[in-house]
Amino acid sequence: MLVLKIFYKSLNICFSNYTDLEESNWPTLLHFGAEMGLSLFCDELIKVPGMDKFCHVTNSLDETPGQLARNRGFLKLAEKLDMLTVTQRDKR
Protein backbone atom coordinates (compact mmCIF):
# COMPACT_ATOMS: atom_id res chain seq x y z
CA MET A 1 0.00 0.00 0.00
CA LEU A 2 2.85 2.39 0.84
CA VAL A 3 4.50 1.74 -2.54
CA LEU A 4 1.21 2.52 -4.31
CA LYS A 5 0.89 5.75 -2.35
CA ILE A 6 4.45 6.74 -3.28
CA PHE A 7 3.77 5.84 -6.91
CA TYR A 8 0.62 7.94 -6.91
CA LYS A 9 2.52 10.89 -5.45
CA SER A 10 5.30 10.43 -8.02
CA LEU A 11 2.83 10.58 -10.89
CA ASN A 12 1.07 13.62 -9.48
CA ILE A 13 4.08 15.61 -8.31
CA CYS A 14 3.50 18.29 -10.92
CA PHE A 15 -0.07 18.83 -9.73
CA SER A 16 0.29 18.49 -5.98
CA ASN A 17 1.56 20.60 -3.14
CA TYR A 18 5.25 19.93 -2.52
CA THR A 19 4.79 20.35 1.25
CA ASP A 20 3.41 16.86 1.82
CA LEU A 21 6.07 15.32 -0.44
CA GLU A 22 8.93 17.03 1.36
CA GLU A 23 7.69 15.64 4.67
CA SER A 24 8.16 12.09 3.39
CA ASN A 25 11.37 10.11 3.41
CA TRP A 26 10.26 8.62 0.07
CA PRO A 27 8.52 11.39 -1.87
CA THR A 28 9.12 9.47 -5.12
CA LEU A 29 9.68 5.88 -6.16
CA LEU A 30 13.27 6.80 -7.03
CA HIS A 31 13.82 7.71 -3.38
CA PHE A 32 12.36 4.38 -2.29
CA GLY A 33 14.54 2.45 -4.72
CA ALA A 34 17.62 4.46 -3.78
CA GLU A 35 17.23 3.88 -0.05
CA MET A 36 16.65 0.17 -0.52
CA GLY A 37 19.50 -0.19 -3.03
CA LEU A 38 17.16 -1.48 -5.74
CA SER A 39 19.34 -0.76 -8.75
CA LEU A 40 17.27 -2.75 -11.29
CA PHE A 41 14.07 -1.14 -9.96
CA CYS A 42 15.62 2.31 -10.44
CA ASP A 43 16.82 1.30 -13.92
CA GLU A 44 13.23 0.56 -14.90
CA LEU A 45 11.93 3.77 -13.34
CA ILE A 46 14.50 5.82 -15.22
CA LYS A 47 13.09 4.45 -18.49
CA VAL A 48 9.69 6.02 -17.75
CA PRO A 49 9.35 9.28 -19.70
CA GLY A 50 9.68 12.27 -17.39
CA MET A 51 11.05 10.29 -14.44
CA ASP A 52 14.42 12.04 -14.75
CA LYS A 53 12.77 15.18 -13.35
CA PHE A 54 12.41 13.42 -9.99
CA CYS A 55 16.18 13.29 -9.48
CA HIS A 56 16.03 16.86 -8.15
CA VAL A 57 13.23 16.26 -5.64
CA THR A 58 14.43 16.15 -2.04
CA ASN A 59 12.97 14.17 0.83
CA SER A 60 12.35 15.17 4.45
CA LEU A 61 16.11 14.99 5.10
CA ASP A 62 16.83 17.22 2.06
CA GLU A 63 18.28 14.28 0.07
CA THR A 64 17.90 13.65 -3.64
CA PRO A 65 17.67 9.99 -4.73
CA GLY A 66 21.39 10.02 -5.58
CA GLN A 67 22.36 11.45 -2.20
CA LEU A 68 20.08 8.98 -0.46
CA ALA A 69 21.69 6.02 -2.25
CA ARG A 70 25.18 7.33 -1.45
CA ASN A 71 24.35 7.87 2.22
CA ARG A 72 23.10 4.27 2.46
CA GLY A 73 26.26 2.89 0.85
CA PHE A 74 24.88 2.10 -2.62
CA LEU A 75 27.65 3.91 -4.48
CA LYS A 76 27.10 2.49 -7.99
CA LEU A 77 23.41 3.34 -7.82
CA ALA A 78 24.24 6.81 -6.51
CA GLU A 79 26.63 7.34 -9.42
CA LYS A 80 23.95 6.32 -11.91
CA LEU A 81 21.35 8.62 -10.33
CA ASP A 82 23.86 11.49 -10.15
CA MET A 83 24.62 11.11 -13.87
CA LEU A 84 20.91 11.35 -14.60
CA THR A 85 20.71 14.48 -12.42
CA VAL A 86 23.57 16.11 -14.34
CA THR A 87 21.98 15.16 -17.67
CA GLN A 88 18.67 16.69 -16.55
CA ARG A 89 20.44 19.85 -15.33
CA ASP A 90 22.21 20.20 -18.72
CA LYS A 91 18.81 20.13 -20.46
CA ARG A 92 17.72 23.29 -18.61
C-alpha atoms as a PDB file:
ATOM      1  CA  MET A   1       0.000   0.000   0.000  1.00  0.00           C
ATOM      2  CA  LEU A   2       2.855   2.395   0.841  1.00  0.00           C
ATOM      3  CA  VAL A   3       4.496   1.738  -2.537  1.00  0.00           C
ATOM      4  CA  LEU A   4       1.210   2.516  -4.307  1.00  0.00           C
ATOM      5  CA  LYS A   5       0.887   5.753  -2.348  1.00  0.00           C
ATOM      6  CA  ILE A   6       4.450   6.737  -3.278  1.00  0.00           C
ATOM      7  CA  PHE A   7       3.770   5.842  -6.912  1.00  0.00           C
ATOM      8  CA  TYR A   8       0.616   7.942  -6.907  1.00  0.00           C
ATOM      9  CA  LYS A   9       2.515  10.889  -5.454  1.00  0.00           C
ATOM     10  CA  SER A  10       5.300  10.433  -8.025  1.00  0.00           C
ATOM     11  CA  LEU A  11       2.832  10.577 -10.886  1.00  0.00           C
ATOM     12  CA  ASN A  12       1.075  13.615  -9.480  1.00  0.00           C
ATOM     13  CA  ILE A  13       4.076  15.608  -8.307  1.00  0.00           C
ATOM     14  CA  CYS A  14       3.495  18.290 -10.920  1.00  0.00           C
ATOM     15  CA  PHE A  15      -0.070  18.826  -9.726  1.00  0.00           C
ATOM     16  CA  SER A  16       0.294  18.486  -5.982  1.00  0.00           C
ATOM     17  CA  ASN A  17       1.555  20.604  -3.138  1.00  0.00           C
ATOM     18  CA  TYR A  18       5.253  19.929  -2.525  1.00  0.00           C
ATOM     19  CA  THR A  19       4.794  20.350   1.248  1.00  0.00           C
ATOM     20  CA  ASP A  20       3.414  16.856   1.822  1.00  0.00           C
ATOM     21  CA  LEU A  21       6.067  15.318  -0.439  1.00  0.00           C
ATOM     22  CA  GLU A  22       8.932  17.027   1.365  1.00  0.00           C
ATOM     23  CA  GLU A  23       7.694  15.640   4.674  1.00  0.00           C
ATOM     24  CA  SER A  24       8.159  12.091   3.387  1.00  0.00           C
ATOM     25  CA  ASN A  25      11.369  10.112   3.409  1.00  0.00           C
ATOM     26  CA  TRP A  26      10.265   8.620   0.072  1.00  0.00           C
ATOM     27  CA  PRO A  27       8.525  11.393  -1.869  1.00  0.00           C
ATOM     28  CA  THR A  28       9.122   9.471  -5.117  1.00  0.00           C
ATOM     29  CA  LEU A  29       9.685   5.878  -6.163  1.00  0.00           C
ATOM     30  CA  LEU A  30      13.272   6.798  -7.030  1.00  0.00           C
ATOM     31  CA  HIS A  31      13.819   7.714  -3.376  1.00  0.00           C
ATOM     32  CA  PHE A  32      12.359   4.380  -2.287  1.00  0.00           C
ATOM     33  CA  GLY A  33      14.544   2.447  -4.723  1.00  0.00           C
ATOM     34  CA  ALA A  34      17.622   4.461  -3.785  1.00  0.00           C
ATOM     35  CA  GLU A  35      17.228   3.883  -0.049  1.00  0.00           C
ATOM     36  CA  MET A  36      16.651   0.166  -0.520  1.00  0.00           C
ATOM     37  CA  GLY A  37      19.500  -0.191  -3.034  1.00  0.00           C
ATOM     38  CA  LEU A  38      17.163  -1.478  -5.739  1.00  0.00           C
ATOM     39  CA  SER A  39      19.335  -0.759  -8.754  1.00  0.00           C
ATOM     40  CA  LEU A  40      17.269  -2.752 -11.287  1.00  0.00           C
ATOM     41  CA  PHE A  41      14.074  -1.137  -9.959  1.00  0.00           C
ATOM     42  CA  CYS A  42      15.615   2.311 -10.437  1.00  0.00           C
ATOM     43  CA  ASP A  43      16.820   1.299 -13.922  1.00  0.00           C
ATOM     44  CA  GLU A  44      13.234   0.558 -14.900  1.00  0.00           C
ATOM     45  CA  LEU A  45      11.931   3.773 -13.335  1.00  0.00           C
ATOM     46  CA  ILE A  46      14.501   5.820 -15.218  1.00  0.00           C
ATOM     47  CA  LYS A  47      13.093   4.455 -18.487  1.00  0.00           C
ATOM     48  CA  VAL A  48       9.693   6.016 -17.747  1.00  0.00           C
ATOM     49  CA  PRO A  49       9.352   9.282 -19.699  1.00  0.00           C
ATOM     50  CA  GLY A  50       9.684  12.270 -17.390  1.00  0.00           C
ATOM     51  CA  MET A  51      11.050  10.291 -14.445  1.00  0.00           C
ATOM     52  CA  ASP A  52      14.416  12.044 -14.753  1.00  0.00           C
ATOM     53  CA  LYS A  53      12.775  15.184 -13.345  1.00  0.00           C
ATOM     54  CA  PHE A  54      12.405  13.422  -9.985  1.00  0.00           C
ATOM     55  CA  CYS A  55      16.181  13.285  -9.485  1.00  0.00           C
ATOM     56  CA  HIS A  56      16.034  16.859  -8.148  1.00  0.00           C
ATOM     57  CA  VAL A  57      13.227  16.261  -5.638  1.00  0.00           C
ATOM     58  CA  THR A  58      14.430  16.154  -2.043  1.00  0.00           C
ATOM     59  CA  ASN A  59      12.975  14.169   0.832  1.00  0.00           C
ATOM     60  CA  SER A  60      12.354  15.171   4.450  1.00  0.00           C
ATOM     61  CA  LEU A  61      16.113  14.990   5.095  1.00  0.00           C
ATOM     62  CA  ASP A  62      16.831  17.216   2.064  1.00  0.00           C
ATOM     63  CA  GLU A  63      18.283  14.281   0.075  1.00  0.00           C
ATOM     64  CA  THR A  64      17.899  13.649  -3.636  1.00  0.00           C
ATOM     65  CA  PRO A  65      17.667   9.992  -4.727  1.00  0.00           C
ATOM     66  CA  GLY A  66      21.386  10.023  -5.582  1.00  0.00           C
ATOM     67  CA  GLN A  67      22.364  11.454  -2.202  1.00  0.00           C
ATOM     68  CA  LEU A  68      20.083   8.981  -0.460  1.00  0.00           C
ATOM     69  CA  ALA A  69      21.689   6.020  -2.252  1.00  0.00           C
ATOM     70  CA  ARG A  70      25.183   7.328  -1.448  1.00  0.00           C
ATOM     71  CA  ASN A  71      24.349   7.874   2.222  1.00  0.00           C
ATOM     72  CA  ARG A  72      23.097   4.273   2.457  1.00  0.00           C
ATOM     73  CA  GLY A  73      26.262   2.894   0.849  1.00  0.00           C
ATOM     74  CA  PHE A  74      24.881   2.103  -2.617  1.00  0.00           C
ATOM     75  CA  LEU A  75      27.652   3.905  -4.483  1.00  0.00           C
ATOM     76  CA  LYS A  76      27.102   2.490  -7.992  1.00  0.00           C
ATOM     77  CA  LEU A  77      23.412   3.336  -7.821  1.00  0.00           C
ATOM     78  CA  ALA A  78      24.244   6.810  -6.510  1.00  0.00           C
ATOM     79  CA  GLU A  79      26.630   7.340  -9.416  1.00  0.00           C
ATOM     80  CA  LYS A  80      23.946   6.315 -11.907  1.00  0.00           C
ATOM     81  CA  LEU A  81      21.351   8.619 -10.330  1.00  0.00           C
ATOM     82  CA  ASP A  82      23.855  11.489 -10.152  1.00  0.00           C
ATOM     83  CA  MET A  83      24.616  11.105 -13.868  1.00  0.00           C
ATOM     84  CA  LEU A  84      20.912  11.353 -14.596  1.00  0.00           C
ATOM     85  CA  THR A  85      20.708  14.479 -12.420  1.00  0.00           C
ATOM     86  CA  VAL A  86      23.573  16.110 -14.343  1.00  0.00           C
ATOM     87  CA  THR A  87      21.975  15.160 -17.668  1.00  0.00           C
ATOM     88  CA  GLN A  88      18.670  16.693 -16.553  1.00  0.00           C
ATOM     89  CA  ARG A  89      20.436  19.852 -15.326  1.00  0.00           C
ATOM     90  CA  ASP A  90      22.213  20.203 -18.717  1.00  0.00           C
ATOM     91  CA  LYS A  91      18.811  20.133 -20.463  1.00  0.00           C
ATOM     92  CA  ARG A  92      17.718  23.292 -18.611  1.00  0.00           C
END
